[in-house]
Amino acid sequence: MSDHVLVMVGDDLADDVARCAAAAGYQVVTAEPDTCRRAWSDCLAVVVDARAASDLAGLGWPRRGGVLVVGSGEVDPQLWRSALTLGAHDGYLLPEQEHDVVGALSRLRAPRSPAGAVVACLGGHGGAGASVLAAAVAMRAAGEFAGTTLLLDVDELGGGVDLLLGIEDTSGLRWPDLTLESGHVFADSLHAALPRVGTDLAVLCPRRGDVRPVGMDAVTTVIDAGRENGDIVVVDLPRRATSLVDAVVESVDLVVVITSATVHGCAATREMSARMAARTERVGCVVRGPAPGGLSAHHIADAAGLPLIAGMRSERGLVAALESGALSLRPRSALSRTADRVLDRLTDAAGYVA
């Protein structure tokens, strides 16, 4: 939302901020600190007052650019501490400094490097194949788009997407190694430290044998860094209902739920669909064959309550290939075509320009 500003201020400042936003050519989005995750990531600018800055800092929202802090009258020093935690660089008194606020908002609309796009994959039921799909989407993105693709495995209890890719023994940063002392991650440094598949796919996974939970702040900060860098970011999500999963679902451009073409898979996926609907409208479904009962992909997606992204026929030899070595994609295979359909839907949803 390149022409939107997220505003979280009290009634005493709302009219002043609205005038500034209109003068700078913005549309105003309002939200409360505990429900603004999507807008926090999407909006070009954010304007907060002392209360909102304190609440956001207490909730641990990741740092971002384009944060303006406004107040009226004497400013509490705590406001500036909270503002610095959020990434703000300046503050303004209203209505005296309306002109300065308009100028700061206008400067933020100057052309920037294009933002990236983020997709999350998760299974509608156990064994649906979400990790394989996530790996395939990341591999196709790395081959088709300029720049770097980030693949994030955030399931410390899973088998590991690095094992699927054959890089489990490759040296490089894992989630437990990531420190966030500054509250920010620089994408270039991150890419240089991660294990890679080829030159353009960087992978961040849990460390095998270390079952410490992957931190929500670490994941959202890495997602933000990738998005700011113009990366395609693919997140392999667990099926567990956790605050981390909720945070990722709320912040990505597309959630892909994969299910088998079975009655049991459809029933489980419908429950997952209801969970996702409470967090985001940007959800689609991939249906994987075979279909023992003859149910079509469209029937399965309709019954699960999700729009269909792709139906994927069974791919002979895929399971055996994964058992004996790393995932390898043939250009016109069913898995490659499905990954391409997911990327088409993602770039449309995110407005991504390759």
Protein backbone atom coordinates (compact mmCIF):
# COMPACT_ATOMS: atom_id res chain seq x y z
CA MET A 1 0.00 0.00 0.00
CA SER A 2 2.42 2.63 -1.26
CA ASP A 3 0.05 5.56 -0.71
CA HIS A 4 -1.21 4.58 2.74
CA VAL A 5 -0.14 5.80 6.15
CA LEU A 6 -0.92 3.84 9.32
CA VAL A 7 -2.11 6.28 12.00
CA MET A 8 -2.31 5.40 15.68
CA VAL A 9 -2.94 8.61 17.63
CA GLY A 10 -5.45 9.92 20.15
CA ASP A 11 -8.44 12.07 19.32
CA ASP A 12 -6.52 15.23 20.21
CA LEU A 13 -4.10 14.65 17.31
CA ALA A 14 -6.28 12.81 14.79
CA ASP A 15 -7.47 15.86 12.84
CA ASP A 16 -3.97 17.37 12.66
CA VAL A 17 -2.48 14.12 11.36
CA ALA A 18 -5.31 13.64 8.86
CA ARG A 19 -4.63 17.11 7.39
CA CYS A 20 -0.92 16.32 7.08
CA ALA A 21 -1.61 12.97 5.43
CA ALA A 22 -4.04 14.51 2.92
CA ALA A 23 -1.60 17.29 2.07
CA ALA A 24 1.13 14.69 1.38
CA GLY A 25 -1.21 12.59 -0.79
CA TYR A 26 -1.79 9.65 1.58
CA GLN A 27 -4.81 7.57 2.45
CA VAL A 28 -5.15 7.01 6.19
CA VAL A 29 -5.38 3.53 7.71
CA THR A 30 -6.24 3.33 11.41
CA ALA A 31 -5.68 0.39 13.75
CA GLU A 32 -4.90 -0.48 17.35
CA PRO A 33 -1.33 -1.52 18.25
CA ASP A 34 -2.26 -5.15 18.95
CA THR A 35 -4.08 -5.64 15.61
CA CYS A 36 -1.93 -3.67 13.16
CA ARG A 37 0.60 -6.29 12.06
CA ARG A 38 -0.40 -6.37 8.40
CA ALA A 39 -0.63 -2.59 8.09
CA TRP A 40 2.65 -2.19 10.01
CA SER A 41 4.38 -4.16 7.26
CA ASP A 42 2.42 -2.82 4.27
CA CYS A 43 1.93 0.89 4.81
CA LEU A 44 4.56 3.24 3.46
CA ALA A 45 4.54 5.41 6.60
CA VAL A 46 3.41 5.14 10.22
CA VAL A 47 2.41 8.01 12.53
CA VAL A 48 2.11 7.28 16.25
CA ASP A 49 1.67 9.23 19.46
CA ALA A 50 3.23 8.53 22.84
CA ARG A 51 0.67 5.93 23.93
CA ALA A 52 0.83 3.98 20.69
CA ALA A 53 4.65 4.11 20.59
CA SER A 54 4.83 2.72 24.11
CA ASP A 55 2.26 -0.01 23.36
CA LEU A 56 4.02 -1.04 20.13
CA ALA A 57 7.42 -1.17 21.83
CA GLY A 58 5.93 -3.30 24.61
CA LEU A 59 4.43 -5.70 22.08
CA GLY A 60 7.84 -6.18 20.48
CA TRP A 61 6.94 -5.07 16.95
CA PRO A 62 9.95 -5.23 14.60
CA ARG A 63 11.76 -2.02 13.70
CA ARG A 64 10.86 -0.47 10.38
CA GLY A 65 11.50 2.74 8.47
CA GLY A 66 9.05 5.56 7.90
CA VAL A 67 7.88 5.91 11.52
CA LEU A 68 6.96 9.45 12.62
CA VAL A 69 6.16 10.29 16.23
CA VAL A 70 3.84 13.19 17.02
CA GLY A 71 2.80 14.85 20.23
CA SER A 72 1.22 18.01 21.59
CA GLY A 73 2.90 20.06 24.28
CA GLU A 74 5.74 18.76 26.44
CA VAL A 75 7.16 15.41 25.34
CA ASP A 76 7.80 12.62 27.84
CA PRO A 77 11.37 11.28 27.45
CA GLN A 78 9.90 7.76 27.46
CA LEU A 79 8.26 8.61 24.14
CA TRP A 80 11.64 8.96 22.47
CA ARG A 81 12.94 5.72 23.94
CA SER A 82 9.89 3.88 22.59
CA ALA A 83 10.23 5.66 19.26
CA LEU A 84 13.86 4.65 18.84
CA THR A 85 12.92 1.03 19.58
CA LEU A 86 10.44 1.16 16.69
CA GLY A 87 12.95 2.71 14.29
CA ALA A 88 11.71 6.33 14.32
CA HIS A 89 14.26 8.99 13.45
CA ASP A 90 12.36 12.15 14.36
CA GLY A 91 9.40 13.56 16.27
CA TYR A 92 7.10 16.52 15.78
CA LEU A 93 4.83 18.75 17.83
CA LEU A 94 1.38 19.42 16.39
CA PRO A 95 -0.12 21.65 15.21
CA GLU A 96 3.03 23.81 15.27
CA GLN A 97 5.06 21.52 12.97
CA GLU A 98 2.39 20.43 10.49
CA HIS A 99 4.51 21.70 7.61
CA ASP A 100 7.45 19.54 8.75
CA VAL A 101 5.24 16.45 9.04
CA VAL A 102 3.90 17.00 5.51
CA GLY A 103 7.47 17.31 4.25
CA ALA A 104 8.62 14.14 6.00
CA LEU A 105 5.66 12.17 4.63
CA SER A 106 6.25 13.54 1.14
CA ARG A 107 9.91 12.48 1.21
CA LEU A 108 8.89 8.94 2.07
CA ARG A 109 6.95 8.77 -1.20
CA ALA A 110 10.09 9.32 -3.26
CA PRO A 111 10.89 6.32 -5.50
CA ARG A 112 12.48 3.40 -3.65
CA SER A 113 13.81 0.02 -4.62
CA PRO A 114 10.89 -2.36 -5.25
CA ALA A 115 9.61 -4.36 -2.30
CA GLY A 116 9.77 -8.13 -2.26
CA ALA A 117 6.96 -10.66 -1.88
CA VAL A 118 6.30 -13.21 0.87
CA VAL A 119 4.42 -16.52 0.69
CA ALA A 120 3.80 -19.06 3.45
CA CYS A 121 3.10 -22.76 2.81
CA LEU A 122 1.45 -25.09 5.30
CA GLY A 123 -0.31 -28.42 5.24
CA GLY A 124 -4.06 -28.75 5.53
CA HIS A 125 -3.32 -32.07 7.26
CA GLY A 126 -0.30 -34.08 8.28
CA GLY A 127 1.83 -35.34 5.42
CA ALA A 128 0.24 -33.06 2.84
CA GLY A 129 3.61 -32.03 1.41
CA ALA A 130 3.93 -28.39 2.51
CA SER A 131 7.72 -28.54 2.92
CA VAL A 132 8.20 -30.04 -0.53
CA LEU A 133 5.96 -27.37 -2.04
CA ALA A 134 7.78 -24.59 -0.16
CA ALA A 135 11.14 -25.88 -1.37
CA ALA A 136 9.86 -26.14 -4.96
CA VAL A 137 8.42 -22.61 -4.90
CA ALA A 138 11.72 -21.25 -3.58
CA MET A 139 13.75 -23.13 -6.19
CA ARG A 140 11.56 -21.90 -9.04
CA ALA A 141 11.67 -18.33 -7.71
CA ALA A 142 15.46 -18.44 -7.53
CA GLY A 143 15.59 -19.61 -11.12
CA GLU A 144 13.03 -17.19 -12.54
CA PHE A 145 13.52 -13.88 -10.70
CA ALA A 146 16.48 -11.58 -10.35
CA GLY A 147 17.96 -11.19 -6.87
CA THR A 148 17.95 -13.59 -3.96
CA THR A 149 15.21 -15.89 -2.73
CA LEU A 150 14.94 -16.64 1.00
CA LEU A 151 13.50 -19.97 2.18
CA LEU A 152 12.64 -19.98 5.90
CA ASP A 153 11.89 -23.22 7.74
CA VAL A 154 10.37 -22.26 11.09
CA ASP A 155 9.39 -25.74 12.34
CA GLU A 156 11.99 -26.85 14.87
CA LEU A 157 10.17 -30.20 15.22
CA GLY A 158 10.05 -30.93 11.49
CA GLY A 159 12.37 -32.99 9.34
CA GLY A 160 14.08 -29.89 7.97
CA VAL A 161 13.79 -28.37 4.53
CA ASP A 162 17.60 -28.37 4.37
CA LEU A 163 17.43 -32.17 4.27
CA LEU A 164 15.01 -31.99 1.32
CA LEU A 165 17.49 -29.75 -0.48
CA GLY A 166 20.56 -31.83 0.39
CA ILE A 167 22.32 -29.02 2.30
CA GLU A 168 21.91 -30.34 5.85
CA ASP A 169 25.70 -30.56 6.25
CA THR A 170 26.44 -27.20 4.62
CA SER A 171 27.96 -24.67 7.01
CA GLY A 172 26.12 -21.43 7.69
CA LEU A 173 23.75 -19.62 10.01
CA ARG A 174 20.80 -21.43 11.62
CA TRP A 175 17.94 -19.92 13.63
CA PRO A 176 19.63 -20.38 17.06
CA ASP A 177 22.64 -18.41 15.76
CA LEU A 178 20.60 -15.35 14.81
CA THR A 179 20.94 -12.47 17.29
CA LEU A 180 18.74 -9.39 17.20
CA GLU A 181 20.52 -7.05 19.56
CA SER A 182 19.86 -4.07 17.29
CA GLY A 183 16.31 -5.17 16.48
CA HIS A 184 17.19 -5.19 12.79
CA VAL A 185 18.70 -7.58 10.25
CA PHE A 186 20.53 -6.41 7.14
CA ALA A 187 19.59 -8.62 4.22
CA ASP A 188 23.00 -8.54 2.54
CA SER A 189 24.74 -9.76 5.70
CA LEU A 190 22.07 -12.40 6.24
CA HIS A 191 22.38 -13.76 2.69
CA ALA A 192 26.16 -13.99 3.03
CA ALA A 193 25.88 -16.04 6.23
CA LEU A 194 23.23 -18.57 5.14
CA PRO A 195 23.62 -21.97 3.46
CA ARG A 196 22.72 -21.77 -0.21
CA VAL A 197 21.36 -23.83 -3.05
CA GLY A 198 23.12 -22.48 -6.11
CA THR A 199 23.84 -18.76 -6.05
CA ASP A 200 20.37 -17.27 -5.51
CA LEU A 201 18.56 -19.42 -2.93
CA ALA A 202 19.48 -18.80 0.72
CA VAL A 203 18.00 -21.11 3.36
CA LEU A 204 17.44 -20.49 7.08
CA CYS A 205 16.49 -23.56 9.13
CA PRO A 206 16.53 -24.79 12.72
CA ARG A 207 19.67 -26.63 13.78
CA ARG A 208 19.21 -30.39 13.77
CA GLY A 209 19.00 -31.70 17.32
CA ASP A 210 18.17 -28.27 18.78
CA VAL A 211 14.47 -28.15 19.64
CA ARG A 212 14.43 -24.62 21.07
CA PRO A 213 11.43 -22.81 19.55
CA VAL A 214 12.14 -20.48 16.66
CA GLY A 215 11.48 -16.96 17.93
CA MET A 216 8.60 -14.95 16.52
CA ASP A 217 10.62 -11.71 16.59
CA ALA A 218 13.46 -13.36 14.68
CA VAL A 219 11.14 -14.66 11.97
CA THR A 220 9.21 -11.42 11.45
CA THR A 221 12.43 -9.41 11.42
CA VAL A 222 13.98 -11.67 8.75
CA ILE A 223 10.78 -11.49 6.68
CA ASP A 224 10.84 -7.70 6.86
CA ALA A 225 14.52 -7.63 5.87
CA GLY A 226 13.86 -9.83 2.85
CA ARG A 227 10.83 -7.81 1.79
CA GLU A 228 12.76 -4.53 2.08
CA ASN A 229 15.58 -6.03 0.01
CA GLY A 230 13.24 -6.98 -2.83
CA ASP A 231 13.54 -10.74 -2.16
CA ILE A 232 11.02 -13.48 -2.74
CA VAL A 233 10.58 -14.96 0.75
CA VAL A 234 9.07 -18.43 1.17
CA VAL A 235 8.11 -19.61 4.66
CA ASP A 236 7.55 -23.28 5.51
CA LEU A 237 5.06 -23.18 8.40
CA PRO A 238 4.12 -25.89 10.90
CA ARG A 239 0.46 -26.78 11.37
CA ARG A 240 0.52 -25.91 15.07
CA ALA A 241 -1.62 -23.01 16.30
CA THR A 242 1.06 -20.71 17.74
CA SER A 243 1.67 -16.98 17.99
CA LEU A 244 4.53 -17.38 15.50
CA VAL A 245 2.26 -18.98 12.89
CA ASP A 246 -0.39 -16.30 13.46
CA ALA A 247 2.20 -13.52 13.10
CA VAL A 248 3.53 -14.92 9.82
CA VAL A 249 0.06 -15.54 8.38
CA GLU A 250 -0.96 -11.96 9.17
CA SER A 251 2.12 -10.44 7.54
CA VAL A 252 2.62 -12.40 4.29
CA ASP A 253 1.19 -11.62 0.87
CA LEU A 254 -0.18 -15.13 0.31
CA VAL A 255 -0.84 -18.25 2.39
CA VAL A 256 -0.91 -21.54 0.47
CA VAL A 257 -2.63 -24.50 2.12
CA ILE A 258 -1.82 -27.83 0.46
CA THR A 259 -4.07 -30.87 0.81
CA SER A 260 -4.44 -34.32 -0.68
CA ALA A 261 -7.49 -35.08 -2.84
CA THR A 262 -9.13 -37.26 -0.19
CA VAL A 263 -12.21 -36.95 2.01
CA HIS A 264 -10.06 -37.03 5.17
CA GLY A 265 -7.66 -34.45 3.79
CA CYS A 266 -10.54 -32.20 2.77
CA ALA A 267 -12.14 -32.39 6.23
CA ALA A 268 -8.88 -31.49 7.98
CA THR A 269 -8.15 -28.70 5.50
CA ARG A 270 -11.56 -27.17 6.11
CA GLU A 271 -10.59 -26.77 9.78
CA MET A 272 -7.31 -25.18 8.74
CA SER A 273 -9.18 -22.89 6.35
CA ALA A 274 -11.35 -21.60 9.19
CA ARG A 275 -8.21 -20.89 11.24
CA MET A 276 -6.62 -18.96 8.39
CA ALA A 277 -9.80 -16.98 7.65
CA ALA A 278 -9.63 -15.48 11.13
CA ARG A 279 -6.19 -14.03 10.30
CA THR A 280 -6.12 -13.16 6.60
CA GLU A 281 -8.08 -13.14 3.37
CA ARG A 282 -4.98 -13.90 1.27
CA VAL A 283 -5.29 -17.68 1.25
CA GLY A 284 -5.36 -20.21 -1.57
CA CYS A 285 -5.32 -23.97 -1.91
CA VAL A 286 -3.17 -26.51 -3.77
CA VAL A 287 -4.76 -29.94 -4.15
CA ARG A 288 -2.37 -32.87 -4.62
CA GLY A 289 -3.38 -36.10 -6.34
CA PRO A 290 -4.06 -38.91 -6.66
CA ALA A 291 -7.81 -38.76 -5.98
CA PRO A 292 -8.86 -42.28 -4.86
CA GLY A 293 -12.54 -41.31 -4.76
CA GLY A 294 -12.51 -39.39 -8.02
CA LEU A 295 -12.89 -35.97 -6.37
CA SER A 296 -11.62 -33.13 -8.54
CA ALA A 297 -9.31 -30.39 -7.29
CA HIS A 298 -12.14 -27.87 -7.65
CA HIS A 299 -14.48 -30.02 -5.54
CA ILE A 300 -11.85 -30.38 -2.81
CA ALA A 301 -11.06 -26.64 -2.75
CA ASP A 302 -14.76 -25.70 -2.69
CA ALA A 303 -15.47 -28.13 0.14
CA ALA A 304 -12.50 -26.78 2.09
CA GLY A 305 -13.72 -23.21 1.58
CA LEU A 306 -10.59 -22.00 -0.23
CA PRO A 307 -9.93 -20.61 -3.71
CA LEU A 308 -8.01 -23.07 -5.87
CA ILE A 309 -4.51 -22.08 -6.96
CA ALA A 310 -3.58 -25.37 -8.61
CA GLY A 311 -4.42 -29.03 -8.83
CA MET A 312 -1.28 -31.17 -8.91
CA ARG A 313 -1.32 -34.69 -10.26
CA SER A 314 0.75 -37.36 -8.61
CA GLU A 315 4.37 -37.24 -9.72
CA ARG A 316 5.90 -40.65 -10.28
CA GLY A 317 9.19 -41.22 -8.54
CA LEU A 318 9.12 -38.06 -6.40
CA VAL A 319 8.96 -39.84 -3.04
CA ALA A 320 11.71 -42.27 -4.01
CA ALA A 321 13.86 -39.40 -5.27
CA LEU A 322 13.49 -37.54 -1.99
CA GLU A 323 14.50 -40.65 -0.05
CA SER A 324 17.67 -41.10 -2.05
CA GLY A 325 18.84 -37.52 -2.58
CA ALA A 326 18.03 -33.83 -2.80
CA LEU A 327 14.90 -32.43 -4.43
CA SER A 328 15.42 -31.95 -8.15
CA LEU A 329 12.85 -30.16 -10.31
CA ARG A 330 12.25 -31.00 -13.94
CA PRO A 331 11.10 -27.85 -15.78
CA ARG A 332 7.72 -29.21 -16.89
CA SER A 333 7.04 -31.56 -14.01
CA ALA A 334 3.75 -31.35 -12.09
CA LEU A 335 5.57 -29.93 -9.06
CA SER A 336 7.36 -27.26 -11.12
CA ARG A 337 4.14 -26.17 -12.82
CA THR A 338 2.36 -25.99 -9.45
CA ALA A 339 5.19 -23.91 -7.96
CA ASP A 340 4.92 -21.56 -10.94
CA ARG A 341 1.17 -21.18 -10.37
CA VAL A 342 1.85 -20.28 -6.74
CA LEU A 343 4.43 -17.68 -7.82
CA ASP A 344 1.99 -16.20 -10.33
CA ARG A 345 -0.63 -15.81 -7.59
CA LEU A 346 1.97 -14.40 -5.20
CA THR A 347 3.30 -11.74 -7.57
CA ASP A 348 -0.25 -10.67 -8.41
CA ALA A 349 -1.17 -10.41 -4.72
CA ALA A 350 1.97 -8.49 -3.79
CA GLY A 351 2.19 -6.31 -6.88
CA TYR A 352 5.73 -7.63 -7.26
CA VAL A 353 7.74 -6.44 -10.25
CA ALA A 354 10.54 -8.80 -11.27
